Amino acid sequence: MTVSRGLLDGLDITGLNTALSEATCLGIDVDTAAGTLRLELDVLTLPVDGPPPDDCDIYLTLTGVSRVAASLRRQAWDDLEPVVLPLALDGLHDAVNSFGGGGLHGWEFFDLDDTAWTQWKKLLSFDTVISETPAAHMLEISQEEGVDPRELDVRVWFEGITVTGKQGNDIPLEQFIAGGVRWWQAHDAGDPRTMRPNIVPPL
């Protein structure tokens, strides 16, 4: 299945990737009837002026979802091959929660090539088709856990994207992206507002 390269809802995918970089995944919910997948994320964002917001939790909702695939696996030090763990679409919420608020790994999430997918699609826990209508875009996220060596990869094929605050207020995608870009620009400039214990400081 081909996906778009460059723009998503008229926006630069690079900006969307930046806005999700180092976000913490707090939850995931799939509504198959509505064809939506909603991620609850704690994102890194800054206003134009002043301190960072006290609450950076947002809901990122993918619409027109046609397919969801996931691989939940464990590989201990003495395992020759990864052990694929049982998981179904309706258990994805609990699987994500079991990582206790893990960060999104990597720096690119939208409309990726198939490099990583080629590796883990042979280790699928499930691959569920929700709609036969082809989707134009794709999101791929990964969770990892060091104490219990598990990894969860999720790939979602979808059409559109919306962002809302925890109170249900709409956040324009341009505003969402701008806040994330400002955070990383400030981080790279050594801005003390971006000093966080789980974020590597700039070189």
N, C-alpha and C. Protein backbone atom coordinates (compact mmCIF):
# COMPACT_ATOMS: atom_id res chain seq x y z
N MET A 1 0.85 -1.19 0.00
CA MET A 1 0.00 0.00 0.00
C MET A 1 0.88 1.24 0.00
N THR A 2 0.66 2.15 -0.93
CA THR A 2 1.46 3.37 -0.99
C THR A 2 0.90 4.41 -0.03
N VAL A 3 1.79 5.27 0.45
CA VAL A 3 1.37 6.36 1.32
C VAL A 3 1.96 7.65 0.80
N SER A 4 1.38 8.75 1.27
CA SER A 4 1.83 10.07 0.85
C SER A 4 3.22 10.35 1.41
N ARG A 5 3.97 11.16 0.72
CA ARG A 5 5.27 11.61 1.21
C ARG A 5 5.29 13.14 1.14
N GLY A 6 5.40 13.80 2.26
CA GLY A 6 5.60 15.24 2.25
C GLY A 6 4.54 16.04 2.94
N LEU A 7 3.26 15.83 2.63
CA LEU A 7 2.19 16.62 3.23
C LEU A 7 1.13 15.72 3.83
N LEU A 8 0.57 16.14 4.96
CA LEU A 8 -0.55 15.45 5.59
C LEU A 8 -1.54 16.53 5.99
N ASP A 9 -2.73 16.48 5.43
CA ASP A 9 -3.72 17.54 5.63
C ASP A 9 -3.11 18.91 5.31
N GLY A 10 -2.27 18.95 4.27
CA GLY A 10 -1.66 20.19 3.85
C GLY A 10 -0.50 20.66 4.70
N LEU A 11 -0.09 19.84 5.68
CA LEU A 11 0.98 20.24 6.60
C LEU A 11 2.24 19.44 6.33
N ASP A 12 3.37 20.05 6.62
CA ASP A 12 4.65 19.40 6.45
C ASP A 12 4.78 18.28 7.49
N ILE A 13 5.02 17.06 7.03
CA ILE A 13 5.13 15.93 7.93
C ILE A 13 6.31 16.09 8.87
N THR A 14 7.36 16.77 8.44
CA THR A 14 8.50 17.01 9.31
C THR A 14 8.07 17.75 10.57
N GLY A 15 7.17 18.72 10.42
CA GLY A 15 6.67 19.45 11.58
C GLY A 15 5.86 18.58 12.51
N LEU A 16 5.03 17.71 11.96
CA LEU A 16 4.26 16.79 12.79
C LEU A 16 5.17 15.84 13.54
N ASN A 17 6.21 15.34 12.87
CA ASN A 17 7.16 14.46 13.54
C ASN A 17 7.84 15.18 14.70
N THR A 18 8.22 16.43 14.48
CA THR A 18 8.87 17.22 15.54
C THR A 18 7.94 17.39 16.73
N ALA A 19 6.67 17.64 16.47
CA ALA A 19 5.71 17.86 17.55
C ALA A 19 5.49 16.62 18.40
N LEU A 20 5.76 15.43 17.85
CA LEU A 20 5.59 14.19 18.60
C LEU A 20 6.89 13.67 19.20
N SER A 21 8.02 14.29 18.86
CA SER A 21 9.31 13.79 19.32
C SER A 21 9.39 13.83 20.85
N GLU A 22 9.79 12.69 21.44
CA GLU A 22 9.95 12.52 22.89
C GLU A 22 8.63 12.69 23.65
N ALA A 23 7.50 12.58 22.96
CA ALA A 23 6.21 12.61 23.66
C ALA A 23 6.04 11.34 24.48
N THR A 24 5.31 11.45 25.57
CA THR A 24 5.00 10.30 26.41
C THR A 24 3.62 9.77 26.04
N CYS A 25 3.55 8.47 25.79
CA CYS A 25 2.27 7.86 25.41
C CYS A 25 1.54 7.42 26.68
N LEU A 26 0.39 8.04 26.93
CA LEU A 26 -0.38 7.77 28.13
C LEU A 26 -1.56 6.84 27.89
N GLY A 27 -1.93 6.64 26.63
CA GLY A 27 -3.07 5.76 26.35
C GLY A 27 -3.37 5.70 24.88
N ILE A 28 -4.16 4.70 24.51
CA ILE A 28 -4.58 4.54 23.12
C ILE A 28 -5.96 3.88 23.12
N ASP A 29 -6.84 4.40 22.29
CA ASP A 29 -8.20 3.86 22.21
C ASP A 29 -8.63 3.79 20.75
N VAL A 30 -9.18 2.64 20.37
CA VAL A 30 -9.63 2.42 19.00
C VAL A 30 -11.14 2.28 18.99
N ASP A 31 -11.80 3.02 18.12
CA ASP A 31 -13.25 2.90 17.91
C ASP A 31 -13.44 2.39 16.49
N THR A 32 -13.66 1.09 16.35
CA THR A 32 -13.75 0.50 15.02
C THR A 32 -14.99 0.98 14.28
N ALA A 33 -16.09 1.21 14.99
CA ALA A 33 -17.31 1.67 14.34
C ALA A 33 -17.13 3.06 13.73
N ALA A 34 -16.42 3.92 14.46
CA ALA A 34 -16.19 5.28 13.97
C ALA A 34 -14.96 5.36 13.07
N GLY A 35 -14.14 4.31 13.07
CA GLY A 35 -12.92 4.33 12.28
C GLY A 35 -11.90 5.32 12.81
N THR A 36 -11.76 5.38 14.15
CA THR A 36 -10.81 6.33 14.76
C THR A 36 -9.87 5.61 15.71
N LEU A 37 -8.70 6.18 15.87
CA LEU A 37 -7.74 5.75 16.88
C LEU A 37 -7.25 6.99 17.58
N ARG A 38 -7.39 7.02 18.93
CA ARG A 38 -7.03 8.20 19.70
C ARG A 38 -5.85 7.90 20.61
N LEU A 39 -4.81 8.71 20.47
CA LEU A 39 -3.64 8.62 21.34
C LEU A 39 -3.70 9.73 22.38
N GLU A 40 -3.49 9.38 23.64
CA GLU A 40 -3.32 10.38 24.68
C GLU A 40 -1.82 10.56 24.89
N LEU A 41 -1.35 11.79 24.71
CA LEU A 41 0.08 12.06 24.73
C LEU A 41 0.40 13.25 25.62
N ASP A 42 1.53 13.16 26.29
CA ASP A 42 2.11 14.30 27.00
C ASP A 42 3.23 14.80 26.09
N VAL A 43 3.03 15.96 25.48
CA VAL A 43 3.95 16.44 24.44
C VAL A 43 4.85 17.55 24.99
N LEU A 44 5.90 17.83 24.25
CA LEU A 44 6.80 18.93 24.56
C LEU A 44 6.39 20.14 23.74
N THR A 45 6.01 21.21 24.40
CA THR A 45 5.52 22.40 23.69
C THR A 45 5.85 23.65 24.49
N LEU A 46 6.02 24.74 23.77
CA LEU A 46 6.27 26.04 24.40
C LEU A 46 5.38 27.08 23.74
N PRO A 47 4.90 28.06 24.54
CA PRO A 47 4.19 29.20 23.95
C PRO A 47 5.20 30.16 23.31
N VAL A 48 4.70 31.18 22.64
CA VAL A 48 5.59 32.17 22.05
C VAL A 48 6.40 32.88 23.12
N ASP A 49 5.77 33.18 24.25
CA ASP A 49 6.46 33.83 25.37
C ASP A 49 6.03 33.14 26.67
N GLY A 50 6.90 33.22 27.66
CA GLY A 50 6.55 32.74 28.98
C GLY A 50 6.91 31.29 29.22
N PRO A 51 6.51 30.77 30.40
CA PRO A 51 6.88 29.41 30.79
C PRO A 51 6.08 28.37 30.02
N PRO A 52 6.54 27.11 30.04
CA PRO A 52 5.77 26.04 29.40
C PRO A 52 4.46 25.83 30.15
N PRO A 53 3.43 25.34 29.48
CA PRO A 53 2.15 25.10 30.15
C PRO A 53 2.28 24.05 31.25
N ASP A 54 1.46 24.17 32.27
CA ASP A 54 1.49 23.19 33.36
C ASP A 54 1.04 21.81 32.89
N ASP A 55 0.09 21.78 31.97
CA ASP A 55 -0.47 20.51 31.48
C ASP A 55 -0.26 20.44 29.97
N CYS A 56 0.54 19.50 29.53
CA CYS A 56 0.83 19.35 28.11
C CYS A 56 0.18 18.11 27.52
N ASP A 57 -0.83 17.57 28.20
CA ASP A 57 -1.54 16.39 27.69
C ASP A 57 -2.48 16.79 26.56
N ILE A 58 -2.45 16.01 25.49
CA ILE A 58 -3.36 16.25 24.36
C ILE A 58 -3.89 14.91 23.86
N TYR A 59 -4.96 14.98 23.08
CA TYR A 59 -5.46 13.80 22.36
C TYR A 59 -5.18 14.01 20.88
N LEU A 60 -4.47 13.08 20.29
CA LEU A 60 -4.24 13.07 18.85
C LEU A 60 -5.11 11.97 18.27
N THR A 61 -6.06 12.34 17.43
CA THR A 61 -7.03 11.38 16.90
C THR A 61 -6.81 11.18 15.40
N LEU A 62 -6.62 9.94 15.02
CA LEU A 62 -6.54 9.57 13.61
C LEU A 62 -7.93 9.18 13.13
N THR A 63 -8.35 9.73 12.00
CA THR A 63 -9.67 9.45 11.46
C THR A 63 -9.54 8.66 10.16
N GLY A 64 -10.63 8.02 9.77
CA GLY A 64 -10.60 7.20 8.57
C GLY A 64 -9.63 6.05 8.69
N VAL A 65 -9.53 5.48 9.88
CA VAL A 65 -8.60 4.37 10.11
C VAL A 65 -9.11 3.12 9.39
N SER A 66 -8.24 2.53 8.57
CA SER A 66 -8.65 1.36 7.80
C SER A 66 -7.96 0.07 8.27
N ARG A 67 -6.84 0.21 8.97
CA ARG A 67 -6.09 -0.99 9.36
C ARG A 67 -5.18 -0.66 10.53
N VAL A 68 -5.06 -1.60 11.46
CA VAL A 68 -4.15 -1.46 12.59
C VAL A 68 -3.39 -2.77 12.75
N ALA A 69 -2.07 -2.70 12.81
CA ALA A 69 -1.24 -3.88 13.03
C ALA A 69 -0.31 -3.61 14.20
N ALA A 70 -0.01 -4.65 14.97
CA ALA A 70 0.85 -4.48 16.14
C ALA A 70 1.67 -5.73 16.39
N SER A 71 2.83 -5.51 16.96
CA SER A 71 3.70 -6.61 17.39
C SER A 71 4.12 -6.35 18.82
N LEU A 72 3.67 -7.20 19.72
CA LEU A 72 4.09 -7.16 21.12
C LEU A 72 5.00 -8.36 21.33
N ARG A 73 6.24 -8.11 21.72
CA ARG A 73 7.19 -9.21 21.80
C ARG A 73 8.16 -9.00 22.96
N ARG A 74 8.77 -10.10 23.34
CA ARG A 74 9.75 -10.08 24.43
C ARG A 74 10.99 -10.82 23.95
N GLN A 75 12.15 -10.31 24.32
CA GLN A 75 13.38 -11.02 23.99
C GLN A 75 14.35 -10.85 25.14
N ALA A 76 14.45 -11.88 25.96
CA ALA A 76 15.40 -11.88 27.07
C ALA A 76 16.80 -12.15 26.54
N TRP A 77 17.77 -11.97 27.40
CA TRP A 77 19.16 -12.10 26.97
C TRP A 77 19.48 -13.49 26.44
N ASP A 78 18.75 -14.50 26.95
CA ASP A 78 19.04 -15.88 26.54
C ASP A 78 18.07 -16.40 25.48
N ASP A 79 17.24 -15.52 24.92
CA ASP A 79 16.33 -15.92 23.84
C ASP A 79 17.04 -15.76 22.50
N LEU A 80 17.04 -16.81 21.70
CA LEU A 80 17.65 -16.73 20.38
C LEU A 80 16.80 -15.89 19.44
N GLU A 81 15.48 -15.94 19.59
CA GLU A 81 14.56 -15.19 18.76
C GLU A 81 13.54 -14.49 19.65
N PRO A 82 12.96 -13.38 19.19
CA PRO A 82 11.91 -12.73 19.96
C PRO A 82 10.71 -13.66 20.15
N VAL A 83 10.07 -13.53 21.30
CA VAL A 83 8.86 -14.29 21.59
C VAL A 83 7.67 -13.36 21.35
N VAL A 84 6.84 -13.68 20.36
CA VAL A 84 5.68 -12.86 20.07
C VAL A 84 4.60 -13.15 21.11
N LEU A 85 4.12 -12.12 21.75
CA LEU A 85 3.12 -12.25 22.81
C LEU A 85 1.72 -12.07 22.25
N PRO A 86 0.75 -12.78 22.82
CA PRO A 86 -0.63 -12.67 22.31
C PRO A 86 -1.20 -11.28 22.57
N LEU A 87 -1.88 -10.76 21.56
CA LEU A 87 -2.51 -9.44 21.66
C LEU A 87 -3.53 -9.33 20.54
N ALA A 88 -4.69 -8.73 20.85
CA ALA A 88 -5.72 -8.44 19.86
C ALA A 88 -6.01 -6.95 19.89
N LEU A 89 -6.72 -6.47 18.88
CA LEU A 89 -7.00 -5.04 18.78
C LEU A 89 -7.68 -4.51 20.04
N ASP A 90 -8.62 -5.28 20.59
CA ASP A 90 -9.34 -4.78 21.76
C ASP A 90 -8.48 -4.81 23.03
N GLY A 91 -7.28 -5.36 22.94
CA GLY A 91 -6.37 -5.34 24.08
C GLY A 91 -5.25 -4.33 23.95
N LEU A 92 -5.30 -3.53 22.88
CA LEU A 92 -4.22 -2.59 22.62
C LEU A 92 -4.14 -1.52 23.71
N HIS A 93 -5.28 -1.07 24.19
CA HIS A 93 -5.32 -0.06 25.26
C HIS A 93 -4.54 -0.55 26.49
N ASP A 94 -4.83 -1.76 26.94
CA ASP A 94 -4.16 -2.30 28.12
C ASP A 94 -2.68 -2.55 27.86
N ALA A 95 -2.35 -2.96 26.64
CA ALA A 95 -0.95 -3.21 26.31
C ALA A 95 -0.13 -1.94 26.41
N VAL A 96 -0.66 -0.84 25.88
CA VAL A 96 0.05 0.45 25.96
C VAL A 96 0.17 0.89 27.42
N ASN A 97 -0.91 0.74 28.19
CA ASN A 97 -0.88 1.14 29.59
C ASN A 97 0.13 0.34 30.39
N SER A 98 0.40 -0.90 29.97
CA SER A 98 1.33 -1.74 30.72
C SER A 98 2.76 -1.23 30.66
N PHE A 99 3.05 -0.31 29.74
CA PHE A 99 4.38 0.27 29.67
C PHE A 99 4.52 1.47 30.61
N GLY A 100 3.43 1.83 31.28
CA GLY A 100 3.48 2.84 32.34
C GLY A 100 3.84 4.23 31.88
N GLY A 101 3.40 4.61 30.69
CA GLY A 101 3.71 5.94 30.19
C GLY A 101 5.09 6.02 29.58
N GLY A 102 5.32 5.21 28.56
CA GLY A 102 6.61 5.19 27.89
C GLY A 102 6.71 6.26 26.82
N GLY A 103 7.92 6.69 26.55
CA GLY A 103 8.14 7.67 25.50
C GLY A 103 8.02 7.05 24.12
N LEU A 104 7.64 7.87 23.14
CA LEU A 104 7.62 7.40 21.76
C LEU A 104 9.06 7.35 21.25
N HIS A 105 9.47 6.20 20.78
CA HIS A 105 10.85 6.04 20.34
C HIS A 105 11.01 6.49 18.90
N GLY A 106 12.14 7.12 18.64
CA GLY A 106 12.42 7.56 17.28
C GLY A 106 12.05 9.02 17.07
N TRP A 107 12.31 9.49 15.86
CA TRP A 107 12.07 10.89 15.50
C TRP A 107 11.13 11.03 14.32
N GLU A 108 10.73 9.93 13.72
CA GLU A 108 9.83 9.98 12.58
C GLU A 108 8.69 9.00 12.82
N PHE A 109 7.47 9.44 12.53
CA PHE A 109 6.29 8.65 12.84
C PHE A 109 5.30 8.53 11.68
N PHE A 110 5.25 9.54 10.84
CA PHE A 110 4.23 9.60 9.80
C PHE A 110 4.79 9.23 8.43
N ASP A 111 4.01 8.43 7.70
CA ASP A 111 4.29 8.09 6.31
C ASP A 111 5.74 7.65 6.10
N LEU A 112 6.17 6.71 6.95
CA LEU A 112 7.53 6.18 6.86
C LEU A 112 7.66 5.23 5.68
N ASP A 113 8.91 4.97 5.32
CA ASP A 113 9.11 3.88 4.36
C ASP A 113 8.98 2.56 5.12
N ASP A 114 9.19 1.46 4.45
CA ASP A 114 8.91 0.15 5.04
C ASP A 114 10.12 -0.50 5.68
N THR A 115 11.18 0.26 5.99
CA THR A 115 12.39 -0.33 6.53
C THR A 115 12.14 -1.07 7.84
N ALA A 116 11.56 -0.37 8.82
CA ALA A 116 11.27 -1.01 10.11
C ALA A 116 10.14 -2.03 9.98
N TRP A 117 9.11 -1.68 9.22
CA TRP A 117 7.96 -2.56 9.02
C TRP A 117 8.38 -3.90 8.46
N THR A 118 9.32 -3.91 7.55
CA THR A 118 9.79 -5.16 6.96
C THR A 118 10.36 -6.09 8.02
N GLN A 119 10.95 -5.52 9.07
CA GLN A 119 11.55 -6.34 10.11
C GLN A 119 10.52 -6.92 11.07
N TRP A 120 9.54 -6.10 11.49
CA TRP A 120 8.65 -6.62 12.53
C TRP A 120 7.30 -7.11 12.02
N LYS A 121 7.01 -6.94 10.73
CA LYS A 121 5.73 -7.46 10.25
C LYS A 121 5.70 -8.99 10.23
N LYS A 122 6.86 -9.62 10.36
CA LYS A 122 6.92 -11.08 10.48
C LYS A 122 6.67 -11.54 11.91
N LEU A 123 6.53 -10.58 12.82
CA LEU A 123 6.35 -10.90 14.24
C LEU A 123 5.06 -10.29 14.77
N LEU A 124 4.01 -10.29 13.95
CA LEU A 124 2.77 -9.62 14.31
C LEU A 124 1.99 -10.37 15.37
N SER A 125 1.47 -9.62 16.33
CA SER A 125 0.49 -10.16 17.27
C SER A 125 -0.90 -10.11 16.66
N PHE A 126 -1.19 -9.04 15.89
CA PHE A 126 -2.44 -8.97 15.14
C PHE A 126 -2.28 -8.01 13.98
N ASP A 127 -3.13 -8.16 12.99
CA ASP A 127 -3.21 -7.27 11.84
C ASP A 127 -4.68 -7.22 11.45
N THR A 128 -5.35 -6.14 11.88
CA THR A 128 -6.80 -6.05 11.76
C THR A 128 -7.20 -5.02 10.71
N VAL A 129 -7.95 -5.45 9.73
CA VAL A 129 -8.50 -4.55 8.71
C VAL A 129 -9.87 -4.07 9.19
N ILE A 130 -10.01 -2.75 9.31
CA ILE A 130 -11.26 -2.15 9.77
C ILE A 130 -12.13 -1.75 8.60
N SER A 131 -11.51 -1.31 7.52
CA SER A 131 -12.22 -0.86 6.34
C SER A 131 -11.43 -1.26 5.10
N GLU A 132 -12.13 -1.60 4.05
CA GLU A 132 -11.46 -1.96 2.80
C GLU A 132 -11.07 -0.73 1.99
N THR A 133 -11.47 0.46 2.45
CA THR A 133 -11.11 1.69 1.75
C THR A 133 -9.65 2.00 1.99
N PRO A 134 -8.85 2.13 0.94
CA PRO A 134 -7.42 2.42 1.13
C PRO A 134 -7.22 3.75 1.85
N ALA A 135 -6.24 3.79 2.74
CA ALA A 135 -5.93 5.01 3.47
C ALA A 135 -4.71 5.68 2.86
N ALA A 136 -4.68 7.01 2.94
CA ALA A 136 -3.59 7.77 2.31
C ALA A 136 -2.36 7.88 3.18
N HIS A 137 -2.53 7.69 4.50
CA HIS A 137 -1.41 7.96 5.40
C HIS A 137 -1.19 6.82 6.39
N MET A 138 -0.07 6.90 7.09
CA MET A 138 0.30 5.86 8.04
C MET A 138 1.04 6.49 9.22
N LEU A 139 0.77 5.96 10.41
CA LEU A 139 1.49 6.34 11.62
C LEU A 139 2.11 5.10 12.22
N GLU A 140 3.36 5.19 12.65
CA GLU A 140 4.02 4.06 13.31
C GLU A 140 4.65 4.56 14.60
N ILE A 141 4.31 3.88 15.72
CA ILE A 141 4.88 4.24 17.01
C ILE A 141 5.44 2.99 17.67
N SER A 142 6.36 3.21 18.61
CA SER A 142 7.02 2.10 19.29
C SER A 142 7.17 2.42 20.77
N GLN A 143 6.96 1.41 21.60
CA GLN A 143 7.18 1.49 23.04
C GLN A 143 8.18 0.41 23.43
N GLU A 144 9.07 0.75 24.36
CA GLU A 144 10.07 -0.21 24.82
C GLU A 144 10.12 -0.19 26.34
N GLU A 145 10.56 -1.31 26.89
CA GLU A 145 10.64 -1.44 28.34
C GLU A 145 11.93 -2.17 28.68
N GLY A 146 12.71 -1.57 29.55
CA GLY A 146 14.02 -2.13 29.85
C GLY A 146 14.03 -3.20 30.93
N VAL A 147 13.19 -3.05 31.97
CA VAL A 147 13.20 -4.01 33.07
C VAL A 147 12.68 -5.36 32.61
N ASP A 148 11.50 -5.37 32.05
CA ASP A 148 10.95 -6.56 31.40
C ASP A 148 11.13 -6.30 29.90
N PRO A 149 12.08 -7.01 29.25
CA PRO A 149 12.47 -6.61 27.89
C PRO A 149 11.38 -6.86 26.85
N ARG A 150 10.40 -5.96 26.84
CA ARG A 150 9.32 -6.05 25.88
C ARG A 150 9.37 -4.87 24.93
N GLU A 151 8.78 -5.06 23.76
CA GLU A 151 8.67 -3.99 22.78
C GLU A 151 7.30 -4.09 22.12
N LEU A 152 6.69 -2.94 21.89
CA LEU A 152 5.41 -2.87 21.20
C LEU A 152 5.54 -1.93 20.02
N ASP A 153 5.32 -2.43 18.82
CA ASP A 153 5.28 -1.61 17.62
C ASP A 153 3.85 -1.61 17.10
N VAL A 154 3.37 -0.42 16.74
CA VAL A 154 2.00 -0.26 16.23
C VAL A 154 2.06 0.53 14.94
N ARG A 155 1.37 0.05 13.92
CA ARG A 155 1.27 0.77 12.65
C ARG A 155 -0.22 0.95 12.34
N VAL A 156 -0.59 2.21 12.00
CA VAL A 156 -1.99 2.55 11.74
C VAL A 156 -2.08 3.21 10.36
N TRP A 157 -2.99 2.73 9.55
CA TRP A 157 -3.28 3.34 8.24
C TRP A 157 -4.52 4.21 8.41
N PHE A 158 -4.46 5.48 7.98
CA PHE A 158 -5.54 6.41 8.29
C PHE A 158 -5.63 7.50 7.22
N GLU A 159 -6.67 8.33 7.34
CA GLU A 159 -6.92 9.41 6.38
C GLU A 159 -6.61 10.80 6.92
N GLY A 160 -7.07 11.11 8.14
CA GLY A 160 -6.93 12.47 8.67
C GLY A 160 -6.49 12.47 10.11
N ILE A 161 -6.24 13.67 10.63
CA ILE A 161 -5.71 13.81 11.99
C ILE A 161 -6.28 15.07 12.62
N THR A 162 -6.64 14.96 13.90
CA THR A 162 -7.08 16.12 14.68
C THR A 162 -6.39 16.09 16.03
N VAL A 163 -6.28 17.25 16.65
CA VAL A 163 -5.68 17.36 17.99
C VAL A 163 -6.63 18.15 18.87
N THR A 164 -6.86 17.66 20.07
CA THR A 164 -7.70 18.35 21.04
C THR A 164 -7.00 18.37 22.39
N GLY A 165 -7.40 19.33 23.23
CA GLY A 165 -6.92 19.38 24.59
C GLY A 165 -7.69 18.40 25.46
N LYS A 166 -7.26 18.25 26.70
CA LYS A 166 -7.91 17.30 27.62
C LYS A 166 -9.35 17.71 27.91
N GLN A 167 -9.67 18.99 27.76
CA GLN A 167 -11.03 19.48 28.01
C GLN A 167 -11.90 19.43 26.76
N GLY A 168 -11.35 18.88 25.66
CA GLY A 168 -12.13 18.75 24.43
C GLY A 168 -12.00 19.92 23.49
N ASN A 169 -11.18 20.90 23.84
CA ASN A 169 -11.00 22.06 22.96
C ASN A 169 -10.13 21.70 21.76
N ASP A 170 -10.55 22.14 20.58
CA ASP A 170 -9.78 21.88 19.37
C ASP A 170 -8.48 22.68 19.38
N ILE A 171 -7.40 22.01 18.98
CA ILE A 171 -6.11 22.67 18.83
C ILE A 171 -5.75 22.61 17.35
N PRO A 172 -5.72 23.73 16.65
CA PRO A 172 -5.36 23.70 15.23
C PRO A 172 -4.01 23.01 15.04
N LEU A 173 -3.91 22.20 13.99
CA LEU A 173 -2.67 21.47 13.76
C LEU A 173 -1.48 22.40 13.61
N GLU A 174 -1.69 23.56 12.95
CA GLU A 174 -0.59 24.51 12.80
C GLU A 174 -0.09 24.98 14.17
N GLN A 175 -1.02 25.21 15.10
CA GLN A 175 -0.65 25.65 16.45
C GLN A 175 0.08 24.53 17.19
N PHE A 176 -0.41 23.30 17.05
CA PHE A 176 0.21 22.15 17.69
C PHE A 176 1.65 21.98 17.22
N ILE A 177 1.84 22.06 15.91
CA ILE A 177 3.18 21.91 15.33
C ILE A 177 4.09 23.04 15.79
N ALA A 178 3.59 24.26 15.76
CA ALA A 178 4.40 25.42 16.12
C ALA A 178 4.92 25.31 17.55
N GLY A 179 4.07 24.83 18.46
CA GLY A 179 4.49 24.69 19.85
C GLY A 179 5.62 23.69 20.01
N GLY A 180 5.54 22.57 19.26
CA GLY A 180 6.60 21.57 19.32
C GLY A 180 7.89 22.06 18.69
N VAL A 181 7.78 22.75 17.57
CA VAL A 181 8.97 23.29 16.91
C VAL A 181 9.66 24.30 17.81
N ARG A 182 8.86 25.17 18.47
CA ARG A 182 9.45 26.15 19.39
C ARG A 182 10.20 25.46 20.52
N TRP A 183 9.62 24.37 21.04
CA TRP A 183 10.27 23.66 22.16
C TRP A 183 11.64 23.15 21.74
N TRP A 184 11.72 22.52 20.59
CA TRP A 184 12.99 21.94 20.17
C TRP A 184 13.99 23.01 19.75
N GLN A 185 13.53 24.09 19.19
CA GLN A 185 14.45 25.20 18.88
C GLN A 185 15.01 25.78 20.18
N ALA A 186 14.15 25.94 21.18
CA ALA A 186 14.60 26.45 22.47
C ALA A 186 15.56 25.46 23.14
N HIS A 187 15.26 24.17 23.05
CA HIS A 187 16.13 23.13 23.61
C HIS A 187 17.53 23.22 22.99
N ASP A 188 17.57 23.32 21.68
CA ASP A 188 18.86 23.35 20.99
C ASP A 188 19.64 24.62 21.32
N ALA A 189 18.93 25.68 21.73
CA ALA A 189 19.58 26.93 22.11
C ALA A 189 19.94 26.97 23.60
N GLY A 190 19.66 25.87 24.33
CA GLY A 190 19.98 25.82 25.75
C GLY A 190 19.01 26.56 26.64
N ASP A 191 17.79 26.78 26.16
CA ASP A 191 16.78 27.49 26.94
C ASP A 191 16.46 26.69 28.21
N PRO A 192 16.58 27.30 29.40
CA PRO A 192 16.31 26.56 30.65
C PRO A 192 14.89 26.04 30.77
N ARG A 193 13.95 26.60 30.00
CA ARG A 193 12.58 26.11 30.05
C ARG A 193 12.45 24.68 29.54
N THR A 194 13.46 24.21 28.82
CA THR A 194 13.41 22.87 28.24
C THR A 194 14.25 21.86 29.01
N MET A 195 14.79 22.26 30.16
CA MET A 195 15.60 21.34 30.94
C MET A 195 14.70 20.35 31.67
N ARG A 196 14.74 19.09 31.24
CA ARG A 196 13.92 18.05 31.85
C ARG A 196 14.80 16.85 32.12
N PRO A 197 14.51 16.11 33.21
CA PRO A 197 15.41 15.01 33.59
C PRO A 197 15.48 13.88 32.57
N ASN A 198 14.45 13.72 31.76
CA ASN A 198 14.43 12.61 30.81
C ASN A 198 14.80 13.04 29.40
N ILE A 199 15.26 14.27 29.22
CA ILE A 199 15.64 14.78 27.91
C ILE A 199 17.14 15.11 27.92
N VAL A 200 17.87 14.58 26.97
CA VAL A 200 19.30 14.85 26.88
C VAL A 200 19.51 16.32 26.57
N PRO A 201 20.36 17.02 27.35
CA PRO A 201 20.60 18.44 27.08
C PRO A 201 21.35 18.62 25.77
N PRO A 202 21.30 19.83 25.20
CA PRO A 202 22.00 20.06 23.95
C PRO A 202 23.50 19.95 24.12
N LEU A 203 24.19 19.61 23.05
CA LEU A 203 25.65 19.48 23.09
C LEU A 203 26.29 20.86 23.16
